[in-house]
C-alpha atoms as a PDB file:
ATOM      1  CA  MET A   1      73.843 -65.025 154.430  1.00  0.00           C
ATOM      2  CA  ARG A   2      72.700 -61.356 153.208  1.00  0.00           C
ATOM      3  CA  ILE A   3      68.906 -60.431 151.796  1.00  0.00           C
ATOM      4  CA  ASP A   4      69.157 -56.900 150.213  1.00  0.00           C
ATOM      5  CA  MET A   5      66.023 -55.458 151.012  1.00  0.00           C
ATOM      6  CA  GLU A   6      64.273 -52.090 149.677  1.00  0.00           C
ATOM      7  CA  PHE A   7      62.944 -50.120 152.562  1.00  0.00           C
ATOM      8  CA  PRO A   8      59.478 -48.678 151.584  1.00  0.00           C
ATOM      9  CA  ALA A   9      58.554 -44.775 152.269  1.00  0.00           C
ATOM     10  CA  ASN A  10      55.532 -45.253 153.325  1.00  0.00           C
ATOM     11  CA  VAL A  11      53.184 -41.562 153.885  1.00  0.00           C
ATOM     12  CA  PRO A  12      54.084 -41.120 157.697  1.00  0.00           C
ATOM     13  CA  ASP A  13      51.382 -41.934 159.682  1.00  0.00           C
ATOM     14  CA  ALA A  14      52.741 -40.632 163.551  1.00  0.00           C
ATOM     15  CA  ASP A  15      52.583 -36.993 162.656  1.00  0.00           C
ATOM     16  CA  ALA A  16      50.417 -36.222 159.662  1.00  0.00           C
ATOM     17  CA  SER A  17      51.224 -32.237 159.975  1.00  0.00           C
ATOM     18  CA  ALA A  18      54.628 -33.498 159.564  1.00  0.00           C
ATOM     19  CA  PRO A  19      56.712 -30.530 157.841  1.00  0.00           C
ATOM     20  CA  VAL A  20      58.365 -32.530 155.206  1.00  0.00           C
ATOM     21  CA  GLN A  21      58.643 -32.981 151.305  1.00  0.00           C
ATOM     22  CA  TRP A  22      58.166 -36.538 150.670  1.00  0.00           C
ATOM     23  CA  ASP A  23      60.159 -35.595 146.957  1.00  0.00           C
ATOM     24  CA  LYS A  24      63.395 -34.928 148.810  1.00  0.00           C
ATOM     25  CA  PRO A  25      66.614 -35.329 146.536  1.00  0.00           C
ATOM     26  CA  GLY A  26      69.628 -38.182 146.246  1.00  0.00           C
ATOM     27  CA  GLY A  27      68.183 -40.644 148.666  1.00  0.00           C
ATOM     28  CA  THR A  28      66.654 -39.185 151.219  1.00  0.00           C
ATOM     29  CA  ASN A  29      64.041 -40.181 150.865  1.00  0.00           C
ATOM     30  CA  GLU A  30      65.154 -43.947 152.103  1.00  0.00           C
ATOM     31  CA  ARG A  31      67.383 -42.861 154.640  1.00  0.00           C
ATOM     32  CA  LEU A  32      64.470 -41.020 156.268  1.00  0.00           C
ATOM     33  CA  VAL A  33      62.874 -43.932 156.762  1.00  0.00           C
ATOM     34  CA  PHE A  34      66.346 -46.632 157.253  1.00  0.00           C
ATOM     35  CA  VAL A  35      66.422 -43.489 160.357  1.00  0.00           C
ATOM     36  CA  ASP A  36      62.956 -44.659 161.519  1.00  0.00           C
ATOM     37  CA  PHE A  37      63.802 -48.618 161.354  1.00  0.00           C
ATOM     38  CA  ARG A  38      66.851 -48.484 163.454  1.00  0.00           C
ATOM     39  CA  CYS A  39      65.107 -46.180 166.028  1.00  0.00           C
ATOM     40  CA  THR A  40      61.555 -48.465 166.093  1.00  0.00           C
ATOM     41  CA  PHE A  41      63.447 -51.611 166.421  1.00  0.00           C
ATOM     42  CA  LEU A  42      66.799 -50.748 168.059  1.00  0.00           C
ATOM     43  CA  GLY A  43      65.943 -47.784 169.737  1.00  0.00           C
ATOM     44  CA  GLU A  44      68.425 -45.662 168.745  1.00  0.00           C
ATOM     45  CA  ILE A  45      70.575 -44.584 166.089  1.00  0.00           C
ATOM     46  CA  ARG A  46      74.403 -42.184 165.133  1.00  0.00           C
ATOM     47  CA  ARG A  47      75.290 -40.953 162.468  1.00  0.00           C
ATOM     48  CA  ALA A  48      78.146 -43.348 161.506  1.00  0.00           C
ATOM     49  CA  ASP A  49      75.355 -45.587 160.568  1.00  0.00           C
ATOM     50  CA  LEU A  50      73.731 -43.559 157.886  1.00  0.00           C
ATOM     51  CA  MET A  51      77.596 -42.398 156.567  1.00  0.00           C
ATOM     52  CA  SER A  52      78.082 -46.489 156.626  1.00  0.00           C
ATOM     53  CA  ARG A  53      75.269 -47.591 155.072  1.00  0.00           C
ATOM     54  CA  PHE A  54      75.190 -44.781 152.401  1.00  0.00           C
ATOM     55  CA  GLY A  55      78.820 -43.831 152.033  1.00  0.00           C
ATOM     56  CA  VAL A  56      77.151 -40.601 152.519  1.00  0.00           C
ATOM     57  CA  SER A  57      79.423 -38.089 155.028  1.00  0.00           C
ATOM     58  CA  SER A  58      79.155 -36.657 158.725  1.00  0.00           C
ATOM     59  CA  ALA A  59      77.504 -33.804 157.471  1.00  0.00           C
ATOM     60  CA  ALA A  60      74.470 -35.387 155.119  1.00  0.00           C
ATOM     61  CA  ALA A  61      73.985 -38.032 158.223  1.00  0.00           C
ATOM     62  CA  THR A  62      73.449 -34.416 160.434  1.00  0.00           C
ATOM     63  CA  ARG A  63      70.936 -33.293 158.455  1.00  0.00           C
ATOM     64  CA  ASP A  64      69.395 -36.389 157.254  1.00  0.00           C
ATOM     65  CA  LEU A  65      68.634 -36.441 161.241  1.00  0.00           C
ATOM     66  CA  ALA A  66      67.931 -33.286 161.805  1.00  0.00           C
ATOM     67  CA  GLU A  67      65.298 -33.690 158.274  1.00  0.00           C
ATOM     68  CA  TYR A  68      63.801 -36.524 160.092  1.00  0.00           C
ATOM     69  CA  LYS A  69      63.046 -34.501 164.185  1.00  0.00           C
ATOM     70  CA  ALA A  70      61.570 -32.021 161.411  1.00  0.00           C
ATOM     71  CA  ALA A  71      59.282 -34.867 159.727  1.00  0.00           C
ATOM     72  CA  GLY A  72      58.068 -35.799 163.175  1.00  0.00           C
ATOM     73  CA  GLY A  73      60.419 -38.226 164.351  1.00  0.00           C
ATOM     74  CA  ARG A  74      60.808 -37.562 168.863  1.00  0.00           C
ATOM     75  CA  ILE A  75      64.659 -38.246 169.051  1.00  0.00           C
ATOM     76  CA  GLN A  76      67.114 -36.433 171.371  1.00  0.00           C
ATOM     77  CA  MET A  77      70.972 -36.726 171.692  1.00  0.00           C
ATOM     78  CA  ASP A  78      72.714 -38.005 174.089  1.00  0.00           C
ATOM     79  CA  PRO A  79      75.271 -34.786 174.486  1.00  0.00           C
ATOM     80  CA  VAL A  80      77.985 -37.094 175.498  1.00  0.00           C
ATOM     81  CA  THR A  81      77.742 -40.662 173.704  1.00  0.00           C
ATOM     82  CA  LYS A  82      76.058 -38.285 170.187  1.00  0.00           C
ATOM     83  CA  VAL A  83      73.812 -41.517 169.946  1.00  0.00           C
ATOM     84  CA  TYR A  84      70.198 -40.069 169.306  1.00  0.00           C
ATOM     85  CA  ARG A  85      67.679 -42.154 171.509  1.00  0.00           C
ATOM     86  CA  LEU A  86      64.084 -42.200 171.714  1.00  0.00           C
ATOM     87  CA  SER A  87      62.110 -39.361 173.627  1.00  0.00           C
ATOM     88  CA  ASP A  88      59.836 -40.743 176.039  1.00  0.00           C
ATOM     89  CA  ASP A  89      57.088 -39.465 172.914  1.00  0.00           C
ATOM     90  CA  PHE A  90      58.364 -41.495 170.743  1.00  0.00           C
ATOM     91  CA  LYS A  91      56.183 -42.990 167.801  1.00  0.00           C
ATOM     92  CA  PRO A  92      56.881 -43.982 164.238  1.00  0.00           C
ATOM     93  CA  VAL A  93      56.865 -41.745 161.542  1.00  0.00           C
ATOM     94  CA  PHE A  94      56.496 -44.853 158.712  1.00  0.00           C
ATOM     95  CA  ALA A  95      55.552 -47.593 158.279  1.00  0.00           C
ATOM     96  CA  HIS A  96      57.453 -50.725 159.099  1.00  0.00           C
ATOM     97  CA  ASP A  97      55.974 -54.425 156.791  1.00  0.00           C
ATOM     98  CA  VAL A  98      56.711 -57.110 159.585  1.00  0.00           C
ATOM     99  CA  GLN A  99      58.174 -59.290 157.805  1.00  0.00           C
ATOM    100  CA  ARG A 100      60.934 -56.568 156.299  1.00  0.00           C
ATOM    101  CA  ALA A 101      61.684 -55.648 159.385  1.00  0.00           C
ATOM    102  CA  LEU A 102      62.044 -59.295 160.781  1.00  0.00           C
ATOM    103  CA  THR A 103      64.297 -60.325 157.842  1.00  0.00           C
ATOM    104  CA  ALA A 104      66.688 -57.067 158.590  1.00  0.00           C
ATOM    105  CA  LEU A 105      66.751 -58.065 161.984  1.00  0.00           C
ATOM    106  CA  ALA A 106      67.756 -61.828 160.572  1.00  0.00           C
ATOM    107  CA  TYR A 107      70.020 -61.097 157.797  1.00  0.00           C
ATOM    108  CA  GLY A 108      71.034 -57.012 157.274  1.00  0.00           C
ATOM    109  CA  PHE A 109      70.004 -54.802 154.726  1.00  0.00           C
ATOM    110  CA  GLY A 110      71.393 -53.200 152.083  1.00  0.00           C
ATOM    111  CA  GLU A 111      71.418 -53.085 148.283  1.00  0.00           C
ATOM    112  CA  SER A 112      74.576 -52.903 146.941  1.00  0.00           C
ATOM    113  CA  GLN A 113      77.286 -53.824 148.093  1.00  0.00           C
ATOM    114  CA  VAL A 114      77.901 -50.253 148.992  1.00  0.00           C
ATOM    115  CA  GLY A 115      76.553 -50.560 153.024  1.00  0.00           C
ATOM    116  CA  VAL A 116      75.885 -54.262 153.539  1.00  0.00           C
ATOM    117  CA  THR A 117      75.545 -54.655 156.823  1.00  0.00           C
ATOM    118  CA  GLY A 118      75.306 -58.194 159.060  1.00  0.00           C
ATOM    119  CA  ALA A 119      72.394 -59.719 161.589  1.00  0.00           C
ATOM    120  CA  LEU A 120      70.854 -56.536 163.617  1.00  0.00           C
ATOM    121  CA  LEU A 121      70.277 -59.253 166.406  1.00  0.00           C
ATOM    122  CA  PRO A 122      71.411 -62.005 167.486  1.00  0.00           C
ATOM    123  CA  CYS A 123      68.223 -64.588 165.521  1.00  0.00           C
ATOM    124  CA  GLU A 124      68.851 -67.837 164.566  1.00  0.00           C
ATOM    125  CA  VAL A 125      67.277 -68.738 161.221  1.00  0.00           C
ATOM    126  CA  PRO A 126      66.967 -71.933 160.003  1.00  0.00           C
ATOM    127  CA  PRO A 127      69.196 -73.123 156.382  1.00  0.00           C
ATOM    128  CA  ARG A 128      67.724 -72.557 153.791  1.00  0.00           C
ATOM    129  CA  LEU A 129      68.573 -76.300 152.427  1.00  0.00           C
ATOM    130  CA  SER A 130      67.498 -75.596 148.470  1.00  0.00           C
ATOM    131  CA  VAL A 131      69.812 -72.253 146.982  1.00  0.00           C
ATOM    132  CA  PRO A 132      69.128 -71.691 142.676  1.00  0.00           C
ATOM    133  CA  ASP A 133      72.606 -70.032 140.966  1.00  0.00           C
ATOM    134  CA  VAL A 134      72.838 -66.700 141.122  1.00  0.00           C
ATOM    135  CA  ASP A 135      74.014 -66.248 137.585  1.00  0.00           C
ATOM    136  CA  VAL A 136      70.271 -68.543 136.746  1.00  0.00           C
ATOM    137  CA  VAL A 137      67.775 -66.269 138.616  1.00  0.00           C
ATOM    138  CA  ALA A 138      69.347 -63.338 136.998  1.00  0.00           C
ATOM    139  CA  ALA A 139      68.931 -64.671 133.440  1.00  0.00           C
ATOM    140  CA  ILE A 140      64.859 -65.691 134.447  1.00  0.00           C
ATOM    141  CA  SER A 141      63.828 -62.544 135.666  1.00  0.00           C
ATOM    142  CA  ARG A 142      66.055 -60.569 133.133  1.00  0.00           C
ATOM    143  CA  ALA A 143      63.550 -62.776 130.817  1.00  0.00           C
ATOM    144  CA  ILE A 144      60.385 -62.322 133.179  1.00  0.00           C
ATOM    145  CA  HIS A 145      61.182 -58.237 133.233  1.00  0.00           C
ATOM    146  CA  LEU A 146      61.551 -58.450 129.407  1.00  0.00           C
ATOM    147  CA  GLN A 147      58.895 -60.417 128.529  1.00  0.00           C
ATOM    148  CA  GLN A 148      61.332 -62.644 126.517  1.00  0.00           C
ATOM    149  CA  ALA A 149      61.636 -66.426 126.118  1.00  0.00           C
ATOM    150  CA  ALA A 150      64.423 -68.938 126.901  1.00  0.00           C
ATOM    151  CA  ARG A 151      66.124 -71.523 126.174  1.00  0.00           C
ATOM    152  CA  ILE A 152      67.039 -73.513 129.181  1.00  0.00           C
ATOM    153  CA  THR A 153      68.707 -77.292 130.325  1.00  0.00           C
ATOM    154  CA  TYR A 154      66.659 -78.764 133.204  1.00  0.00           C
ATOM    155  CA  SER A 155      66.198 -81.982 134.512  1.00  0.00           C
ATOM    156  CA  SER A 156      63.486 -83.897 135.772  1.00  0.00           C
ATOM    157  CA  PHE A 157      62.429 -87.233 137.453  1.00  0.00           C
ATOM    158  CA  SER A 158      60.524 -87.823 134.150  1.00  0.00           C
ATOM    159  CA  SER A 159      62.303 -86.781 130.986  1.00  0.00           C
ATOM    160  CA  GLY A 160      66.222 -86.639 132.298  1.00  0.00           C
ATOM    161  CA  LYS A 161      68.032 -83.546 130.775  1.00  0.00           C
ATOM    162  CA  GLN A 162      66.288 -81.812 128.316  1.00  0.00           C
ATOM    163  CA  THR A 163      66.996 -78.261 126.273  1.00  0.00           C
ATOM    164  CA  ARG A 164      63.759 -76.640 126.440  1.00  0.00           C
ATOM    165  CA  GLU A 165      62.443 -73.114 125.008  1.00  0.00           C
ATOM    166  CA  ILE A 166      59.710 -71.544 127.785  1.00  0.00           C
ATOM    167  CA  PHE A 167      58.422 -67.976 128.237  1.00  0.00           C
ATOM    168  CA  PRO A 168      58.783 -67.181 132.122  1.00  0.00           C
ATOM    169  CA  PHE A 169      56.515 -64.932 133.687  1.00  0.00           C
ATOM    170  CA  ALA A 170      56.250 -65.110 137.512  1.00  0.00           C
ATOM    171  CA  LEU A 171      58.647 -67.008 140.046  1.00  0.00           C
ATOM    172  CA  ALA A 172      57.149 -69.034 143.049  1.00  0.00           C
ATOM    173  CA  ASP A 173      58.316 -69.967 146.420  1.00  0.00           C
ATOM    174  CA  ASN A 174      56.662 -72.974 147.729  1.00  0.00           C
ATOM    175  CA  GLY A 175      58.365 -72.675 151.064  1.00  0.00           C
ATOM    176  CA  LEU A 176      60.940 -74.930 150.871  1.00  0.00           C
ATOM    177  CA  ARG A 177      62.244 -74.283 147.331  1.00  0.00           C
ATOM    178  CA  TRP A 178      61.574 -72.113 143.869  1.00  0.00           C
ATOM    179  CA  HIS A 179      60.194 -71.764 140.872  1.00  0.00           C
ATOM    180  CA  VAL A 180      59.259 -69.994 137.491  1.00  0.00           C
ATOM    181  CA  ARG A 181      56.359 -70.531 135.645  1.00  0.00           C
ATOM    182  CA  ALA A 182      56.510 -70.652 131.932  1.00  0.00           C
ATOM    183  CA  PHE A 183      54.519 -72.046 129.612  1.00  0.00           C
ATOM    184  CA  ASP A 184      56.821 -74.806 128.305  1.00  0.00           C
ATOM    185  CA  ARG A 185      57.062 -75.221 123.853  1.00  0.00           C
ATOM    186  CA  ARG A 186      57.692 -78.641 123.857  1.00  0.00           C
ATOM    187  CA  LYS A 187      54.776 -79.649 126.154  1.00  0.00           C
ATOM    188  CA  GLN A 188      52.527 -76.828 124.788  1.00  0.00           C
ATOM    189  CA  ARG A 189      51.489 -76.630 128.486  1.00  0.00           C
ATOM    190  CA  PHE A 190      52.439 -73.667 131.741  1.00  0.00           C
ATOM    191  CA  VAL A 191      54.947 -75.596 133.830  1.00  0.00           C
ATOM    192  CA  ASP A 192      56.569 -75.206 136.827  1.00  0.00           C
ATOM    193  CA  PHE A 193      60.477 -75.650 136.472  1.00  0.00           C
ATOM    194  CA  VAL A 194      62.216 -75.825 140.308  1.00  0.00           C
ATOM    195  CA  LEU A 195      64.946 -72.499 140.037  1.00  0.00           C
ATOM    196  CA  THR A 196      67.897 -76.183 141.373  1.00  0.00           C
ATOM    197  CA  ARG A 197      67.015 -78.135 138.039  1.00  0.00           C
ATOM    198  CA  ILE A 198      68.148 -75.314 135.140  1.00  0.00           C
ATOM    199  CA  HIS A 199      71.903 -76.400 133.991  1.00  0.00           C
ATOM    200  CA  SER A 200      71.642 -73.536 131.939  1.00  0.00           C
ATOM    201  CA  ILE A 201      69.264 -70.489 130.168  1.00  0.00           C
ATOM    202  CA  GLU A 202      70.047 -68.649 127.098  1.00  0.00           C
ATOM    203  CA  SER A 203      67.909 -65.943 126.075  1.00  0.00           C
ATOM    204  CA  LEU A 204      66.079 -65.963 122.481  1.00  0.00           C
ATOM    205  CA  PRO A 205      65.638 -61.521 122.734  1.00  0.00           C
ATOM    206  CA  GLN A 206      63.735 -62.208 118.694  1.00  0.00           C
ATOM    207  CA  SER A 207      61.250 -65.370 119.580  1.00  0.00           C
ATOM    208  CA  VAL A 208      57.996 -63.660 118.895  1.00  0.00           C
ATOM    209  CA  ILE A 209      55.533 -64.583 122.310  1.00  0.00           C
ATOM    210  CA  ALA A 210      52.019 -66.431 121.108  1.00  0.00           C
ATOM    211  CA  PRO A 211      49.599 -65.102 122.974  1.00  0.00           C
ATOM    212  CA  HIS A 212      48.522 -68.204 123.543  1.00  0.00           C
ATOM    213  CA  GLU A 213      51.250 -68.371 125.758  1.00  0.00           C
ATOM    214  CA  GLN A 214      51.217 -65.788 127.818  1.00  0.00           C
ATOM    215  CA  ALA A 215      50.428 -65.502 131.553  1.00  0.00           C
ATOM    216  CA  GLN A 216      46.393 -64.286 131.569  1.00  0.00           C
ATOM    217  CA  HIS A 217      46.057 -67.784 129.351  1.00  0.00           C
ATOM    218  CA  ASP A 218      47.682 -70.152 132.729  1.00  0.00           C
ATOM    219  CA  LEU A 219      43.825 -70.556 133.731  1.00  0.00           C
ATOM    220  CA  ASP A 220      45.714 -72.846 136.718  1.00  0.00           C
ATOM    221  CA  TRP A 221      47.924 -69.651 137.730  1.00  0.00           C
ATOM    222  CA  THR A 222      45.022 -67.395 137.411  1.00  0.00           C
ATOM    223  CA  ARG A 223      42.136 -68.164 139.461  1.00  0.00           C
ATOM    224  CA  VAL A 224      42.090 -67.550 142.663  1.00  0.00           C
ATOM    225  CA  LEU A 225      40.460 -69.655 145.428  1.00  0.00           C
ATOM    226  CA  GLU A 226      40.006 -68.245 148.967  1.00  0.00           C
ATOM    227  CA  LEU A 227      40.380 -70.006 152.211  1.00  0.00           C
ATOM    228  CA  ILE A 228      39.470 -69.901 155.362  1.00  0.00           C
ATOM    229  CA  LEU A 229      41.632 -71.272 158.393  1.00  0.00           C
ATOM    230  CA  VAL A 230      40.094 -72.523 162.324  1.00  0.00           C
ATOM    231  CA  PRO A 231      41.598 -73.588 164.640  1.00  0.00           C
ATOM    232  CA  HIS A 232      40.276 -77.498 164.667  1.00  0.00           C
ATOM    233  CA  PRO A 233      37.367 -77.830 166.943  1.00  0.00           C
ATOM    234  CA  LYS A 234      38.234 -79.951 168.892  1.00  0.00           C
ATOM    235  CA  GLU A 235      41.614 -77.984 170.502  1.00  0.00           C
ATOM    236  CA  MET A 236      41.614 -76.740 173.158  1.00  0.00           C
ATOM    237  CA  HIS A 237      43.287 -73.693 173.317  1.00  0.00           C
ATOM    238  CA  LYS A 238      41.879 -72.135 170.357  1.00  0.00           C
ATOM    239  CA  LYS A 239      42.511 -68.345 171.570  1.00  0.00           C
ATOM    240  CA  ILE A 240      46.230 -69.354 171.565  1.00  0.00           C
ATOM    241  CA  ILE A 241      45.803 -70.415 167.973  1.00  0.00           C
ATOM    242  CA  ALA A 242      44.270 -67.496 166.800  1.00  0.00           C
ATOM    243  CA  MET A 243      47.012 -65.212 168.002  1.00  0.00           C
ATOM    244  CA  ASP A 244      49.916 -67.009 166.804  1.00  0.00           C
ATOM    245  CA  TYR A 245      47.856 -66.593 163.522  1.00  0.00           C
ATOM    246  CA  ALA A 246      46.608 -63.805 163.498  1.00  0.00           C
ATOM    247  CA  MET A 247      43.405 -64.922 163.383  1.00  0.00           C
ATOM    248  CA  SER A 248      40.089 -62.255 163.625  1.00  0.00           C
ATOM    249  CA  GLU A 249      37.655 -63.894 165.590  1.00  0.00           C
ATOM    250  CA  GLU A 250      39.370 -67.007 165.196  1.00  0.00           C
ATOM    251  CA  ALA A 251      39.690 -66.756 161.534  1.00  0.00           C
ATOM    252  CA  LEU A 252      41.635 -66.625 158.970  1.00  0.00           C
ATOM    253  CA  THR A 253      41.225 -66.016 154.924  1.00  0.00           C
ATOM    254  CA  VAL A 254      43.954 -66.491 152.556  1.00  0.00           C
ATOM    255  CA  ARG A 255      43.627 -65.990 148.595  1.00  0.00           C
ATOM    256  CA  VAL A 256      45.857 -69.231 147.513  1.00  0.00           C
ATOM    257  CA  ARG A 257      46.674 -70.234 143.446  1.00  0.00           C
ATOM    258  CA  THR A 258      44.948 -73.454 142.315  1.00  0.00           C
ATOM    259  CA  GLU A 259      48.695 -74.367 141.409  1.00  0.00           C
ATOM    260  CA  PRO A 260      50.746 -72.954 143.799  1.00  0.00           C
ATOM    261  CA  ALA A 261      53.799 -74.164 142.558  1.00  0.00           C
END
């Protein structure tokens, strides 16, 4: 299984005075973040890693590593193995999102078929039991992005297999399965559709979207609740629970939609 991910080119926080321009052409920014990622989480980087991941030449990979060092990347090349490893004073140049980092470590990364990788470390991840069809996901995501209606063939427990016209505007993952939030023209209300229950989908680019069909009128979706989670009063190990959920002062504030899909 592979998860495609994009590395965010955040402004570096390890060395604010680093002499580097962050508008480099040709994807250099992304390659610099890739170098920083491998150094931060794997402790080393090779020219071959850049060549395999991005399809660049050996000379280009060498320039990227020099660029990274100029940006404040504290790495040193082992003259025997030609592997770049961390200096004793190494600090990440970029800020890395921990969820994206764990995803990359467990599944690998790559936005295209070039440079596709497997897991970067031994990781055990439970299998996803509900996996929607990629063509359905593609068609739904296009409709959302292009703000178009769609005609779907859909199965539900209450109505069986039916054809629906919908106006989709968001995807939602409830941890068990993926849904699309959409206005259902047959029911004349906003509904969650389970992606795996969509048999077919046809775009309706000429269909006019009425004002009441748009997301801002979906009160269950736009209304957000703020929940404060705390360890159970009878829990003896509150500090450990707080560590598990990154609680501040043994409390965690989360914002959730009233319509959780």
